[in-house]
């Protein structure tokens, strides 16, 4: 690709730490004087089963040779390899390593979108003049991470974010791969459908029942048939299979604050009807914090973490700013329905951004009764659900009800008044942001 072609469209990197938990724990042990490198022996990162961490969170390549898989019980892994070394996770250390990595990448290019503790997107376009080519820049990043931090990353390069993600999952570790739109038929279509980003086990099963085994077969299938069987998620997968993705890198600047809450669930959820009360509880918490801060949000995002610790998120711009739990919940539920691929859910989160002061005049969109914009860490959903979910009359009634509930809680405590649906949910709050 020559310099002229580079500037005709944005070039994205997806940077992913190779087996992050294992790599970071290996570096920690080596720095402490341990002679054994966890990455070169049969080893896994696991933990206390009584705290729902009794599964394999990450595995070494030698452990993989014994048939050990991520997500399986530690007891099963030990049966496959009795000499297996089990290292408990150190999430505080992992968070610090993640922070250092993102700070380094941000020093190369500030256009960074972190999507999990060990991966991010980078918009290479603003710094393209500093390098001979995207591949050369990615190779510098890969080499410097290894030399500076002691672990390796894969870098995927593309003119579409979703394809950059797919490219980074090609051969590992310590590799740079490209998957430009023009390369999709040759490099991506021959792959099994299970390799497609966001295609979970239930989606794979549904597609296989339609006779679809490869990504190319999905890309060339009838999109109406796919949508009929997999709803909006099917449309998303069909677009991914064709390399369609217009989403930009969503850079979070230091002055762009938000309010959010997430919860680790006491058991994995496998039904949407069980997830909805959790979303409502989270929406209540977030909305109450917005009102206490005197803020309105104009964007809502939903985060899902699967039982195998795969994170995904989806966000939406709202027709009008809000601080109401019912509005936040209904938009979050719509996002959840679009995002969830039916893998068991370990964590759910809601985050609100684009905050404004609640006392500021509200600028109404003439089309707010019929339009909304959707943007996400993955490509946009094209579902025709465009009308606001709560009318302005309902908003005023809900605002009065929220004020009354806030008053009761301020006098008698947070649990003095709760929704009936809250009784169905008892989770462990993981973080407020």
Protein backbone atom coordinates (compact mmCIF):
# COMPACT_ATOMS: atom_id res chain seq x y z
CA UNK A 1 0.00 0.00 0.00
CA UNK A 2 1.52 3.35 -1.01
CA UNK A 3 1.29 6.60 0.93
CA UNK A 4 -1.53 7.95 -1.27
CA UNK A 5 -3.69 4.89 -0.64
CA UNK A 6 -3.07 5.13 3.11
CA UNK A 7 -4.78 8.49 3.30
CA UNK A 8 -7.84 7.52 1.28
CA UNK A 9 -9.30 5.83 4.38
CA UNK A 10 -8.37 5.41 8.01
CA UNK A 11 -6.03 2.60 8.96
CA UNK A 12 -6.73 0.84 12.24
CA UNK A 13 -4.53 -1.29 14.47
CA UNK A 14 -5.89 -3.82 16.91
CA UNK A 15 -3.25 -4.52 19.56
CA UNK A 16 -3.77 -7.58 21.74
CA UNK A 17 -1.51 -8.97 24.47
CA UNK A 18 -0.73 -12.63 23.82
CA UNK A 19 -2.29 -14.67 26.65
CA UNK A 20 -2.29 -11.57 28.83
CA UNK A 21 -2.89 -13.02 32.30
CA UNK A 22 -0.32 -15.77 31.78
CA UNK A 23 2.22 -13.40 30.22
CA UNK A 24 1.86 -10.80 32.96
CA UNK A 25 2.11 -13.42 35.72
CA UNK A 26 5.16 -14.92 34.02
CA UNK A 27 6.88 -11.52 33.88
CA UNK A 28 6.02 -10.88 37.53
CA UNK A 29 7.56 -14.20 38.61
CA UNK A 30 10.67 -13.70 36.48
CA UNK A 31 11.15 -10.19 37.90
CA UNK A 32 10.93 -11.70 41.38
CA UNK A 33 13.79 -14.08 40.55
CA UNK A 34 11.87 -17.21 39.51
CA UNK A 35 13.84 -19.24 36.98
CA UNK A 36 10.79 -20.90 35.42
CA UNK A 37 8.92 -19.00 32.71
CA UNK A 38 5.23 -19.93 32.89
CA UNK A 39 4.96 -19.42 29.15
CA UNK A 40 7.43 -22.23 28.39
CA UNK A 41 6.03 -24.93 30.70
CA UNK A 42 2.56 -26.51 31.08
CA UNK A 43 0.86 -23.84 33.18
CA UNK A 44 -2.44 -22.03 33.63
CA UNK A 45 -3.80 -19.04 35.45
CA UNK A 46 -6.64 -20.12 37.72
CA UNK A 47 -7.97 -19.51 41.19
CA UNK A 48 -10.26 -20.39 44.04
CA UNK A 49 -13.30 -22.34 42.86
CA UNK A 50 -15.28 -21.12 45.91
CA UNK A 51 -15.05 -17.63 44.42
CA UNK A 52 -16.06 -18.80 40.93
CA UNK A 53 -12.48 -18.61 39.74
CA UNK A 54 -11.91 -22.35 39.70
CA UNK A 55 -11.50 -22.38 35.95
CA UNK A 56 -8.67 -21.90 33.50
CA UNK A 57 -8.43 -18.18 32.75
CA UNK A 58 -5.33 -18.47 30.54
CA UNK A 59 -3.07 -21.28 29.42
CA UNK A 60 0.45 -21.66 28.07
CA UNK A 61 1.17 -23.16 24.66
CA UNK A 62 2.64 -26.31 26.31
CA UNK A 63 -0.58 -26.63 28.37
CA UNK A 64 -2.64 -26.33 25.19
CA UNK A 65 -0.74 -29.34 23.82
CA UNK A 66 -2.35 -31.43 26.59
CA UNK A 67 -5.81 -30.39 25.37
CA UNK A 68 -6.37 -27.86 28.14
CA UNK A 69 -8.85 -25.16 27.16
CA UNK A 70 -9.74 -21.74 28.53
CA UNK A 71 -12.84 -21.89 30.70
CA UNK A 72 -12.58 -25.53 31.75
CA UNK A 73 -12.45 -26.47 35.48
CA UNK A 74 -9.00 -26.60 37.00
CA UNK A 75 -9.66 -30.14 38.20
CA UNK A 76 -10.23 -31.29 34.62
CA UNK A 77 -7.06 -29.52 33.49
CA UNK A 78 -4.99 -31.25 36.17
CA UNK A 79 -6.36 -34.63 35.11
CA UNK A 80 -5.07 -33.92 31.61
CA UNK A 81 -1.67 -32.79 32.90
CA UNK A 82 -0.81 -33.86 36.50
CA UNK A 83 2.36 -31.73 36.47
CA UNK A 84 0.42 -28.60 35.52
CA UNK A 85 1.58 -25.42 37.28
CA UNK A 86 -1.37 -23.35 38.51
CA UNK A 87 -0.77 -19.66 39.21
CA UNK A 88 -3.55 -17.66 40.91
CA UNK A 89 -4.59 -14.47 39.12
CA UNK A 90 -3.36 -11.09 40.37
CA UNK A 91 -5.90 -8.65 38.97
CA UNK A 92 -4.33 -5.63 40.66
CA UNK A 93 -1.02 -6.38 38.93
CA UNK A 94 -2.83 -6.99 35.63
CA UNK A 95 -4.55 -3.61 35.88
CA UNK A 96 -1.22 -1.90 36.47
CA UNK A 97 0.37 -3.66 33.50
CA UNK A 98 -2.60 -2.65 31.36
CA UNK A 99 -2.23 0.97 32.45
CA UNK A 100 1.47 1.01 31.59
CA UNK A 101 0.85 -0.56 28.17
CA UNK A 102 -1.90 1.90 27.27
CA UNK A 103 0.24 4.81 28.41
CA UNK A 104 3.05 3.64 26.13
CA UNK A 105 0.73 3.14 23.15
CA UNK A 106 -0.84 6.54 23.82
CA UNK A 107 2.61 8.10 23.58
CA UNK A 108 2.85 6.75 20.03
CA UNK A 109 -0.63 7.84 19.00
CA UNK A 110 -3.27 9.42 21.29
CA UNK A 111 -6.14 7.97 19.26
CA UNK A 112 -6.58 4.87 21.44
CA UNK A 113 -9.77 3.00 22.27
CA UNK A 114 -9.23 0.48 25.05
CA UNK A 115 -11.83 -2.29 24.81
CA UNK A 116 -10.57 -4.62 27.56
CA UNK A 117 -7.71 -4.92 30.01
CA UNK A 118 -5.41 -6.42 27.35
CA UNK A 119 -6.51 -5.01 24.00
CA UNK A 120 -7.16 -1.73 22.24
CA UNK A 121 -7.74 -0.14 18.86
CA UNK A 122 -5.45 2.56 17.52
CA UNK A 123 -6.22 4.94 14.66
CA UNK A 124 -2.89 4.90 12.86
CA UNK A 125 -3.94 7.54 10.32
CA UNK A 126 -2.93 10.69 12.29
CA UNK A 127 0.65 9.42 12.71
CA UNK A 128 1.05 7.69 9.34
CA UNK A 129 3.51 10.36 8.09
CA UNK A 130 5.94 9.29 10.83
CA UNK A 131 6.38 5.77 9.49
CA UNK A 132 7.31 4.05 6.28
CA UNK A 133 4.13 1.97 6.28
CA UNK A 134 1.47 0.64 8.68
CA UNK A 135 3.29 -2.68 8.76
CA UNK A 136 6.56 -0.98 9.71
CA UNK A 137 4.85 0.98 12.50
CA UNK A 138 3.14 -2.15 13.84
CA UNK A 139 6.44 -4.02 13.84
CA UNK A 140 8.06 -1.22 15.86
CA UNK A 141 5.21 -1.42 18.41
CA UNK A 142 5.47 -5.20 18.63
CA UNK A 143 9.25 -5.12 19.11
CA UNK A 144 9.26 -2.29 21.64
CA UNK A 145 6.55 -3.89 23.78
CA UNK A 146 8.58 -7.09 23.98
CA UNK A 147 11.81 -5.25 24.83
CA UNK A 148 10.24 -2.73 27.21
CA UNK A 149 7.78 -4.93 29.10
CA UNK A 150 8.96 -8.50 28.58
CA UNK A 151 5.82 -9.91 26.95
CA UNK A 152 4.45 -10.02 23.41
CA UNK A 153 1.52 -8.61 21.48
CA UNK A 154 -0.14 -9.28 18.16
CA UNK A 155 -1.01 -6.33 15.94
CA UNK A 156 -3.79 -6.57 13.37
CA UNK A 157 -3.94 -3.94 10.61
CA UNK A 158 -6.91 -3.03 8.44
CA UNK A 159 -9.03 -0.27 6.97
CA UNK A 160 -11.95 -1.57 9.07
CA UNK A 161 -11.92 -1.99 12.86
CA UNK A 162 -13.57 -5.40 12.88
CA UNK A 163 -11.06 -6.68 10.33
CA UNK A 164 -8.15 -5.36 12.40
CA UNK A 165 -9.54 -7.39 15.30
CA UNK A 166 -9.82 -10.49 13.11
CA UNK A 167 -6.25 -9.99 11.84
CA UNK A 168 -4.81 -9.80 15.34
CA UNK A 169 -6.28 -13.25 16.04
CA UNK A 170 -4.37 -14.86 13.18
CA UNK A 171 -1.19 -16.82 13.98
CA UNK A 172 0.26 -16.05 17.43
CA UNK A 173 2.35 -14.99 19.30
CA UNK A 174 4.36 -11.84 18.56
CA UNK A 175 3.02 -11.34 15.02
CA UNK A 176 1.80 -8.57 12.72
CA UNK A 177 -0.99 -9.43 10.27
CA UNK A 178 -3.01 -7.42 7.75
CA UNK A 179 -6.61 -7.97 6.72
CA UNK A 180 -7.63 -5.11 4.45
CA UNK A 181 -11.09 -5.18 2.90
CA UNK A 182 -9.63 -6.31 -0.40
CA UNK A 183 -8.00 -9.28 1.38
CA UNK A 184 -11.20 -10.60 2.95
CA UNK A 185 -12.09 -13.23 0.28
CA UNK A 186 -8.61 -14.78 0.35
CA UNK A 187 -7.73 -14.48 4.05
CA UNK A 188 -11.03 -14.55 5.96
CA UNK A 189 -13.70 -16.33 3.94
CA UNK A 190 -12.02 -19.78 4.09
CA UNK A 191 -11.99 -19.69 7.92
CA UNK A 192 -14.57 -21.66 9.95
CA UNK A 193 -17.60 -19.66 11.03
CA UNK A 194 -16.53 -20.06 14.67
CA UNK A 195 -13.53 -17.78 13.95
CA UNK A 196 -15.77 -14.82 13.08
CA UNK A 197 -15.67 -12.06 15.67
CA UNK A 198 -18.79 -12.05 17.89
CA UNK A 199 -19.95 -15.46 16.61
CA UNK A 200 -20.52 -17.44 19.82
CA UNK A 201 -21.42 -21.08 20.26
CA UNK A 202 -25.17 -20.62 19.87
CA UNK A 203 -24.71 -18.53 16.72
CA UNK A 204 -22.32 -21.13 15.29
CA UNK A 205 -24.88 -23.85 15.96
CA UNK A 206 -27.69 -21.85 14.34
CA UNK A 207 -25.60 -21.09 11.26
CA UNK A 208 -24.45 -24.68 10.94
CA UNK A 209 -28.10 -25.74 10.98
CA UNK A 210 -28.49 -23.52 7.91
CA UNK A 211 -25.62 -25.35 6.23
CA UNK A 212 -23.15 -22.50 6.81
CA UNK A 213 -19.71 -23.74 7.83
CA UNK A 214 -17.32 -20.97 6.74
CA UNK A 215 -17.23 -17.19 6.97
CA UNK A 216 -17.39 -17.03 3.18
CA UNK A 217 -20.59 -19.06 3.11
CA UNK A 218 -22.14 -16.60 5.55
CA UNK A 219 -20.90 -13.61 3.53
CA UNK A 220 -22.59 -14.98 0.42
CA UNK A 221 -25.79 -16.18 2.10
CA UNK A 222 -29.20 -14.51 1.87
CA UNK A 223 -29.15 -11.81 4.59
CA UNK A 224 -32.92 -12.09 5.05
CA UNK A 225 -32.59 -15.77 5.92
CA UNK A 226 -29.80 -14.98 8.38
CA UNK A 227 -31.85 -12.21 10.04
CA UNK A 228 -34.90 -14.47 10.23
CA UNK A 229 -32.94 -17.04 12.23
CA UNK A 230 -30.58 -14.85 14.28
CA UNK A 231 -32.45 -11.53 14.41
CA UNK A 232 -30.31 -8.36 14.65
CA UNK A 233 -27.24 -10.30 15.74
CA UNK A 234 -27.46 -12.20 12.47
CA UNK A 235 -27.35 -8.94 10.53
CA UNK A 236 -24.30 -7.93 12.55
CA UNK A 237 -22.53 -11.21 11.77
CA UNK A 238 -23.46 -10.95 8.09
CA UNK A 239 -21.92 -7.46 7.95
CA UNK A 240 -18.80 -8.68 9.75
CA UNK A 241 -18.42 -11.57 7.31
CA UNK A 242 -18.41 -9.03 4.48
CA UNK A 243 -15.97 -6.73 6.29
CA UNK A 244 -18.58 -4.00 6.76
CA UNK A 245 -17.76 -1.67 9.62
CA UNK A 246 -17.95 2.11 9.62
CA UNK A 247 -17.25 2.60 13.34
CA UNK A 248 -14.38 4.94 14.28
CA UNK A 249 -11.92 4.65 17.13
CA UNK A 250 -13.80 6.02 20.14
CA UNK A 251 -11.07 7.87 21.98
CA UNK A 252 -11.77 8.63 25.63
CA UNK A 253 -10.07 11.90 26.50
CA UNK A 254 -9.22 12.73 30.13
CA UNK A 255 -11.89 15.47 30.27
CA UNK A 256 -14.63 13.20 28.94
CA UNK A 257 -16.17 11.91 32.15
CA UNK A 258 -18.88 9.34 32.62
CA UNK A 259 -20.91 7.54 35.25
CA UNK A 260 -21.23 3.78 35.23
CA UNK A 261 -21.70 0.66 37.28
CA UNK A 262 -21.11 -3.04 36.65
CA UNK A 263 -21.73 -6.19 38.59
CA UNK A 264 -20.20 -9.66 38.69
CA UNK A 265 -23.08 -12.12 38.86
CA UNK A 266 -23.43 -14.84 41.52
CA UNK A 267 -24.13 -17.31 38.71
CA UNK A 268 -23.80 -17.25 34.94
CA UNK A 269 -26.94 -16.04 33.18
CA UNK A 270 -28.16 -17.84 30.09
CA UNK A 271 -31.59 -16.24 29.60
CA UNK A 272 -32.37 -12.65 28.59
CA UNK A 273 -35.26 -12.53 31.05
CA UNK A 274 -32.77 -13.06 33.88
CA UNK A 275 -30.47 -10.32 32.60
CA UNK A 276 -33.16 -7.63 32.35
CA UNK A 277 -33.65 -7.19 36.14
CA UNK A 278 -29.87 -6.83 36.51
CA UNK A 279 -29.83 -4.10 33.86
CA UNK A 280 -32.70 -2.34 35.62
CA UNK A 281 -30.86 -2.44 38.95
CA UNK A 282 -27.72 -1.04 37.30
CA UNK A 283 -29.77 1.67 35.57
CA UNK A 284 -31.26 2.68 38.92
CA UNK A 285 -27.79 3.01 40.44
CA UNK A 286 -26.37 4.98 37.52
CA UNK A 287 -29.38 7.29 37.28
CA UNK A 288 -29.28 8.06 41.00
CA UNK A 289 -25.60 8.98 40.76
CA UNK A 290 -26.29 11.21 37.77
CA UNK A 291 -28.99 13.07 39.69
CA UNK A 292 -26.76 13.46 42.75
CA UNK A 293 -24.07 14.93 40.51
CA UNK A 294 -26.58 17.20 38.74
CA UNK A 295 -25.77 15.62 35.38
CA UNK A 296 -27.65 14.36 32.33
CA UNK A 297 -26.23 11.76 29.96
CA UNK A 298 -26.50 11.74 26.19
CA UNK A 299 -24.89 8.33 25.60
CA UNK A 300 -25.48 4.91 27.13
CA UNK A 301 -23.31 1.82 26.72
CA UNK A 302 -23.73 -1.78 27.85
CA UNK A 303 -20.86 -4.14 28.69
CA UNK A 304 -21.12 -7.93 28.72
CA UNK A 305 -18.42 -10.28 29.97
CA UNK A 306 -18.94 -13.93 29.12
CA UNK A 307 -18.18 -16.89 31.36
CA UNK A 308 -14.94 -17.30 29.40
CA UNK A 309 -13.96 -13.67 30.14
CA UNK A 310 -14.61 -12.30 26.65
CA UNK A 311 -15.69 -8.65 26.84
CA UNK A 312 -17.97 -6.88 24.40
CA UNK A 313 -19.74 -3.53 24.52
CA UNK A 314 -22.26 -1.50 22.58
CA UNK A 315 -23.20 2.18 22.90
CA UNK A 316 -25.90 4.53 21.69
CA UNK A 317 -26.42 8.27 21.42
CA UNK A 318 -29.76 9.26 22.94
CA UNK A 319 -32.41 11.47 21.31
CA UNK A 320 -32.35 13.73 24.39
CA UNK A 321 -30.23 13.90 27.59
CA UNK A 322 -31.62 12.05 30.61
CA UNK A 323 -31.01 11.11 34.23
CA UNK A 324 -33.96 8.72 34.50
CA UNK A 325 -33.49 5.05 35.29
CA UNK A 326 -36.40 3.94 33.12
CA UNK A 327 -35.00 5.64 30.03
CA UNK A 328 -31.45 4.42 30.66
CA UNK A 329 -32.78 0.90 31.28
CA UNK A 330 -34.89 0.73 28.13
CA UNK A 331 -32.03 1.93 25.93
CA UNK A 332 -29.63 -0.42 27.73
CA UNK A 333 -32.04 -3.30 27.16
CA UNK A 334 -32.21 -2.49 23.46
CA UNK A 335 -28.41 -2.45 23.32
CA UNK A 336 -28.22 -5.73 25.21
CA UNK A 337 -30.63 -7.42 22.80
CA UNK A 338 -28.46 -6.32 19.87
CA UNK A 339 -25.14 -7.20 21.49
CA UNK A 340 -25.65 -10.48 23.35
CA UNK A 341 -24.57 -13.57 21.40
CA UNK A 342 -26.19 -15.97 23.93
CA UNK A 343 -22.94 -17.05 25.55
CA UNK A 344 -23.33 -17.42 29.37
CA UNK A 345 -22.98 -14.02 31.06
CA UNK A 346 -20.63 -13.46 34.00
CA UNK A 347 -20.73 -9.66 34.24
CA UNK A 348 -23.08 -6.89 33.12
CA UNK A 349 -22.38 -3.16 33.13
CA UNK A 350 -23.98 0.14 32.13
CA UNK A 351 -22.01 3.31 31.53
CA UNK A 352 -23.25 6.79 30.64
CA UNK A 353 -21.11 9.45 28.95
CA UNK A 354 -21.43 12.82 27.17
CA UNK A 355 -22.57 14.42 30.39
CA UNK A 356 -24.10 17.89 30.64
CA UNK A 357 -25.32 19.90 33.62
CA UNK A 358 -28.97 19.22 34.37
CA UNK A 359 -29.68 22.95 34.66
CA UNK A 360 -28.51 23.74 31.13
CA UNK A 361 -31.14 24.48 28.47
CA UNK A 362 -31.98 21.38 26.46
CA UNK A 363 -31.55 21.63 22.72
CA UNK A 364 -34.29 19.53 21.17
CA UNK A 365 -33.71 17.63 17.95
CA UNK A 366 -36.51 18.22 15.46
CA UNK A 367 -36.20 14.57 14.56
CA UNK A 368 -35.97 13.26 18.12
CA UNK A 369 -39.34 11.59 17.70
CA UNK A 370 -37.95 9.41 14.98
CA UNK A 371 -34.18 9.40 14.85
CA UNK A 372 -31.29 8.18 16.95
CA UNK A 373 -27.67 7.51 16.18
CA UNK A 374 -26.00 4.29 17.17
CA UNK A 375 -22.25 3.87 17.52
CA UNK A 376 -20.40 1.04 19.19
CA UNK A 377 -17.06 -0.59 19.79
CA UNK A 378 -18.21 -2.92 17.05
CA UNK A 379 -20.05 -1.83 13.87
CA UNK A 380 -23.39 -0.09 13.92
CA UNK A 381 -26.60 -2.04 14.20
CA UNK A 382 -29.04 -1.36 11.39
CA UNK A 383 -32.19 -2.49 13.18
CA UNK A 384 -35.14 -0.18 12.38
CA UNK A 385 -35.83 0.59 16.05
CA UNK A 386 -35.40 4.34 15.86
CA UNK A 387 -38.12 5.97 17.95
CA UNK A 388 -37.43 7.13 21.52
CA UNK A 389 -38.60 4.58 24.05
CA UNK A 390 -40.14 7.09 26.48
CA UNK A 391 -42.36 10.04 25.56
CA UNK A 392 -41.76 13.53 26.96
CA UNK A 393 -44.95 13.28 29.06
CA UNK A 394 -43.76 10.01 30.53
CA UNK A 395 -40.34 11.56 31.21
CA UNK A 396 -41.88 14.31 33.32
CA UNK A 397 -43.88 11.80 35.38
CA UNK A 398 -40.83 9.60 35.83
CA UNK A 399 -38.72 12.59 36.87
CA UNK A 400 -41.22 13.45 39.64
CA UNK A 401 -41.25 9.82 40.79
CA UNK A 402 -37.43 9.71 40.79
CA UNK A 403 -37.28 12.90 42.86
CA UNK A 404 -39.66 11.38 45.41
CA UNK A 405 -37.61 8.18 45.59
CA UNK A 406 -34.39 10.17 45.98
CA UNK A 407 -35.94 12.09 48.85
CA UNK A 408 -37.00 8.91 50.65
CA UNK A 409 -33.58 7.33 50.17
CA UNK A 410 -31.76 10.43 51.41
CA UNK A 411 -33.78 10.32 54.64
CA UNK A 412 -34.03 6.58 55.30
CA UNK A 413 -31.18 4.99 53.34
CA UNK A 414 -30.54 3.53 49.91
CA UNK A 415 -32.59 0.38 50.57
CA UNK A 416 -35.61 2.19 52.02
CA UNK A 417 -37.46 1.91 48.73
CA UNK A 418 -36.75 -0.48 45.87
CA UNK A 419 -38.45 -1.76 42.76
CA UNK A 420 -40.25 -5.09 42.98
CA UNK A 421 -37.99 -6.43 40.23
CA UNK A 422 -34.91 -5.86 42.40
CA UNK A 423 -35.84 -8.81 44.60
CA UNK A 424 -34.90 -11.16 41.79
CA UNK A 425 -31.32 -9.96 41.72
CA UNK A 426 -28.51 -10.32 44.19
CA UNK A 427 -25.11 -9.70 42.64
CA UNK A 428 -21.66 -8.53 43.61
CA UNK A 429 -20.97 -4.96 42.56
CA UNK A 430 -17.60 -4.90 40.88
CA UNK A 431 -17.03 -1.26 40.06
CA UNK A 432 -18.47 2.22 39.89
CA UNK A 433 -16.98 4.61 37.36
